[in-house]
N, C-alpha and C. Protein backbone atom coordinates (compact mmCIF):
# COMPACT_ATOMS: atom_id res chain seq x y z
N MET A 1 103.27 90.76 104.62
CA MET A 1 102.55 90.05 103.43
C MET A 1 103.60 88.68 103.37
N THR A 2 102.78 87.57 102.96
CA THR A 2 103.42 86.39 102.89
C THR A 2 103.41 85.96 101.46
N VAL A 3 104.29 85.25 100.98
CA VAL A 3 104.48 84.84 99.59
C VAL A 3 103.72 83.54 99.51
N THR A 4 102.64 83.61 98.68
CA THR A 4 101.84 82.19 98.59
C THR A 4 101.39 82.15 97.16
N MET A 5 101.14 81.06 96.64
CA MET A 5 100.62 80.88 95.13
C MET A 5 99.03 80.82 95.22
N ARG A 6 98.56 82.02 94.78
CA ARG A 6 96.98 82.05 94.78
C ARG A 6 96.71 82.70 93.53
N GLU A 7 95.44 82.57 93.06
CA GLU A 7 94.89 83.13 92.01
C GLU A 7 94.33 84.42 92.26
N LYS A 8 94.90 85.58 92.37
CA LYS A 8 94.47 86.94 92.69
C LYS A 8 95.23 88.05 91.76
N GLY A 9 94.45 89.00 91.36
CA GLY A 9 95.16 90.08 90.70
C GLY A 9 95.56 89.93 89.28
N CYS A 10 95.89 90.81 88.57
CA CYS A 10 95.94 90.65 86.98
C CYS A 10 97.57 90.05 86.70
N THR A 11 97.75 89.70 85.61
CA THR A 11 99.24 89.25 85.35
C THR A 11 100.16 90.20 85.56
N LEU A 12 99.90 91.54 85.25
CA LEU A 12 100.84 92.73 85.37
C LEU A 12 101.16 92.80 86.91
N SER A 13 100.24 92.73 87.72
CA SER A 13 100.37 92.95 89.29
C SER A 13 101.15 91.70 89.80
N THR A 14 101.13 90.45 89.10
CA THR A 14 101.83 89.24 89.67
C THR A 14 103.14 89.56 89.12
N ILE A 15 103.43 90.02 87.85
CA ILE A 15 104.88 90.24 87.62
C ILE A 15 105.47 91.04 88.28
N GLY A 16 105.00 92.18 88.42
CA GLY A 16 105.50 93.32 89.40
C GLY A 16 105.74 92.92 90.58
N PHE A 17 104.90 92.04 91.24
CA PHE A 17 105.32 91.45 92.56
C PHE A 17 106.51 90.73 92.56
N TYR A 18 106.82 89.83 91.56
CA TYR A 18 107.96 89.00 91.55
C TYR A 18 109.23 89.79 91.09
N ILE A 19 108.96 90.96 90.45
CA ILE A 19 110.12 91.88 90.04
C ILE A 19 110.56 92.74 91.31
N VAL A 20 109.53 92.90 92.29
CA VAL A 20 109.91 93.53 93.50
C VAL A 20 110.71 92.63 94.41
N LEU A 21 110.23 91.38 94.35
CA LEU A 21 110.72 90.28 95.21
C LEU A 21 112.26 90.18 94.81
N VAL A 22 112.57 90.00 93.52
CA VAL A 22 113.93 89.84 93.03
C VAL A 22 114.58 91.06 93.31
N GLY A 23 114.21 92.21 93.13
CA GLY A 23 115.05 93.44 93.52
C GLY A 23 115.14 93.70 94.87
N ALA A 24 114.37 93.07 95.86
CA ALA A 24 114.43 93.03 97.26
C ALA A 24 115.90 91.97 97.71
N VAL A 25 115.86 91.00 97.03
CA VAL A 25 116.92 89.91 97.13
C VAL A 25 118.12 90.52 96.70
N ASN A 26 118.07 91.15 95.48
CA ASN A 26 119.31 91.98 95.02
C ASN A 26 119.94 92.93 95.98
N TRP A 27 119.08 93.77 96.64
CA TRP A 27 119.48 94.91 97.50
C TRP A 27 119.94 94.27 98.84
N GLY A 28 119.33 93.09 99.23
CA GLY A 28 120.04 92.46 100.45
C GLY A 28 121.32 91.81 100.22
N LEU A 29 121.59 91.30 99.00
CA LEU A 29 122.92 90.91 98.54
C LEU A 29 123.91 92.04 98.60
N VAL A 30 123.39 93.06 98.04
CA VAL A 30 124.33 94.48 97.97
C VAL A 30 124.68 94.86 99.22
N GLY A 31 123.76 94.78 100.29
CA GLY A 31 123.99 94.95 101.86
C GLY A 31 124.99 94.02 102.40
N LEU A 32 124.87 92.67 102.21
CA LEU A 32 125.70 91.72 102.68
C LEU A 32 126.95 91.76 102.15
N GLY A 33 127.18 92.17 100.92
CA GLY A 33 128.38 92.34 100.13
C GLY A 33 129.36 93.46 100.96
N GLY A 34 128.42 94.39 101.35
CA GLY A 34 129.20 95.58 101.92
C GLY A 34 129.75 95.08 103.14
N PHE A 35 129.03 94.25 103.97
CA PHE A 35 129.43 93.97 105.35
C PHE A 35 130.71 92.99 104.97
N PHE A 36 130.86 92.17 103.90
CA PHE A 36 131.91 91.12 103.83
C PHE A 36 132.95 91.44 102.76
N GLY A 37 132.71 92.87 102.40
CA GLY A 37 133.83 93.43 101.60
C GLY A 37 133.75 92.94 99.99
N GLY A 38 132.67 92.48 99.58
CA GLY A 38 132.37 92.26 98.03
C GLY A 38 131.37 93.00 97.49
N ASP A 39 131.53 92.81 96.17
CA ASP A 39 130.34 93.42 95.37
C ASP A 39 129.41 92.45 94.79
N TRP A 40 128.39 92.17 95.59
CA TRP A 40 127.31 91.24 95.03
C TRP A 40 126.12 91.73 94.49
N ASN A 41 126.17 92.64 93.83
CA ASN A 41 125.11 93.50 92.99
C ASN A 41 125.02 92.54 91.83
N VAL A 42 123.82 91.71 91.81
CA VAL A 42 123.63 90.78 90.75
C VAL A 42 123.29 91.52 89.46
N VAL A 43 122.48 92.49 89.58
CA VAL A 43 122.07 93.28 88.20
C VAL A 43 123.42 93.92 87.61
N HIS A 44 124.20 94.21 88.53
CA HIS A 44 125.58 95.18 87.97
C HIS A 44 126.42 93.83 87.30
N MET A 45 126.28 92.56 87.83
CA MET A 45 127.07 91.46 87.44
C MET A 45 126.60 91.01 86.14
N ILE A 46 125.29 91.21 86.06
CA ILE A 46 124.72 90.79 84.57
C ILE A 46 124.79 91.89 83.51
N PHE A 47 124.32 92.97 84.01
CA PHE A 47 124.25 94.10 82.91
C PHE A 47 125.38 95.20 83.19
N GLY A 48 126.39 95.04 83.79
CA GLY A 48 127.33 96.06 84.28
C GLY A 48 128.09 96.61 82.78
N SER A 49 128.08 95.82 81.76
CA SER A 49 128.84 96.44 80.64
C SER A 49 127.85 97.40 79.94
N TRP A 50 126.66 97.25 80.31
CA TRP A 50 125.54 98.04 79.54
C TRP A 50 124.95 98.94 80.59
N ALA A 51 125.62 100.12 81.03
CA ALA A 51 124.95 100.74 82.06
C ALA A 51 123.54 101.30 81.86
N TRP A 52 123.07 101.66 80.60
CA TRP A 52 121.76 102.17 80.50
C TRP A 52 120.81 100.96 80.77
N LEU A 53 121.07 99.74 80.46
CA LEU A 53 120.10 98.77 80.75
C LEU A 53 120.36 98.24 82.21
N GLU A 54 121.30 98.55 82.84
CA GLU A 54 121.37 98.43 84.33
C GLU A 54 120.53 99.43 84.84
N LEU A 55 120.55 100.65 84.46
CA LEU A 55 119.58 101.78 84.97
C LEU A 55 118.19 101.27 84.74
N ALA A 56 117.89 100.81 83.61
CA ALA A 56 116.42 100.60 83.19
C ALA A 56 115.98 99.52 84.10
N VAL A 57 116.78 98.46 84.46
CA VAL A 57 116.26 97.36 85.32
C VAL A 57 115.89 98.08 86.74
N TYR A 58 116.69 99.11 87.23
CA TYR A 58 116.38 99.58 88.39
C TYR A 58 115.16 100.52 88.35
N VAL A 59 114.97 101.25 87.21
CA VAL A 59 113.68 101.88 86.99
C VAL A 59 112.46 101.04 87.03
N VAL A 60 112.49 99.73 86.31
CA VAL A 60 111.33 98.87 86.32
C VAL A 60 111.23 98.25 87.68
N VAL A 61 112.14 98.16 88.58
CA VAL A 61 112.08 97.66 89.82
C VAL A 61 111.40 98.72 90.75
N GLY A 62 111.67 99.98 90.50
CA GLY A 62 111.15 100.99 91.24
C GLY A 62 109.64 101.25 90.84
N ILE A 63 109.33 101.24 89.61
CA ILE A 63 107.95 101.31 89.12
C ILE A 63 107.16 100.15 89.59
N SER A 64 107.63 99.15 89.69
CA SER A 64 106.99 97.79 90.28
C SER A 64 106.82 98.06 91.76
N GLY A 65 107.70 98.66 92.45
CA GLY A 65 107.49 98.88 93.81
C GLY A 65 106.49 99.83 94.08
N LEU A 66 106.42 100.88 93.24
CA LEU A 66 105.24 101.88 93.35
C LEU A 66 103.76 101.05 93.08
N MET A 67 103.96 100.43 92.16
CA MET A 67 102.55 99.71 91.77
C MET A 67 102.20 98.75 92.85
N LEU A 68 103.18 98.30 93.59
CA LEU A 68 102.84 97.36 94.78
C LEU A 68 102.34 98.10 96.01
N VAL A 69 102.90 99.38 96.16
CA VAL A 69 102.33 100.25 97.31
C VAL A 69 101.08 100.76 97.02
N PHE A 70 100.80 101.27 95.86
CA PHE A 70 99.45 102.12 95.47
C PHE A 70 98.71 100.98 94.96
N GLY A 71 98.90 99.87 94.52
CA GLY A 71 98.07 98.93 94.00
C GLY A 71 97.76 99.11 92.59
N CYS A 72 97.30 97.96 91.91
CA CYS A 72 96.83 98.16 90.55
C CYS A 72 95.43 98.46 90.58
N LYS A 73 94.92 99.19 89.52
CA LYS A 73 93.64 99.76 89.34
C LYS A 73 92.81 98.98 88.24
N CYS A 74 93.25 97.92 87.64
CA CYS A 74 92.40 97.20 87.05
C CYS A 74 91.43 96.51 87.60
N ASP A 75 90.32 96.03 86.76
CA ASP A 75 88.99 95.34 87.29
C ASP A 75 89.36 94.13 87.97
N LYS A 76 90.25 93.34 87.47
CA LYS A 76 90.30 92.06 88.16
C LYS A 76 91.16 92.29 89.51
N CYS A 77 92.01 93.13 89.62
CA CYS A 77 92.64 93.49 90.99
C CYS A 77 91.76 94.04 91.99
N LYS A 78 90.71 94.92 91.45
CA LYS A 78 89.77 95.54 92.30
C LYS A 78 88.77 94.37 92.96
N VAL A 79 88.49 93.44 91.94
CA VAL A 79 87.69 92.29 92.65
C VAL A 79 88.50 91.37 93.68
N ALA A 80 89.82 91.25 93.43
CA ALA A 80 90.72 90.64 94.21
C ALA A 80 91.25 91.26 95.40
N GLY A 81 90.68 92.59 95.67
CA GLY A 81 90.91 93.24 96.88
C GLY A 81 92.26 94.03 96.55
N GLY A 82 92.90 94.12 95.61
CA GLY A 82 94.07 95.01 95.23
C GLY A 82 95.38 94.16 95.55
N GLN A 83 95.17 92.82 95.89
CA GLN A 83 96.27 91.92 96.29
C GLN A 83 97.05 91.40 95.01
N PRO A 84 98.35 91.36 95.07
CA PRO A 84 98.95 90.66 93.93
C PRO A 84 98.87 89.34 93.91
N MET A 85 98.88 88.60 92.97
CA MET A 85 98.83 87.18 92.94
C MET A 85 97.28 86.81 93.31
């Protein structure tokens, strides 16, 4: 899948796509931080003092990932072929 700017899918599908993209970058930074001995978890850096909010962000990223895997079922996304954006 390539990231391009195009008019396909509904707004919720597009937002979900970008949430997954940001979540993937965060987990990439967590992995790199592990190799270099640092804590590079951006979500924890921002919301670390509010553990419930940090967990809520992870849940939203997970739900967005599932939506990306299974596709959105709205009429606009069906016409666009289920592709985000």
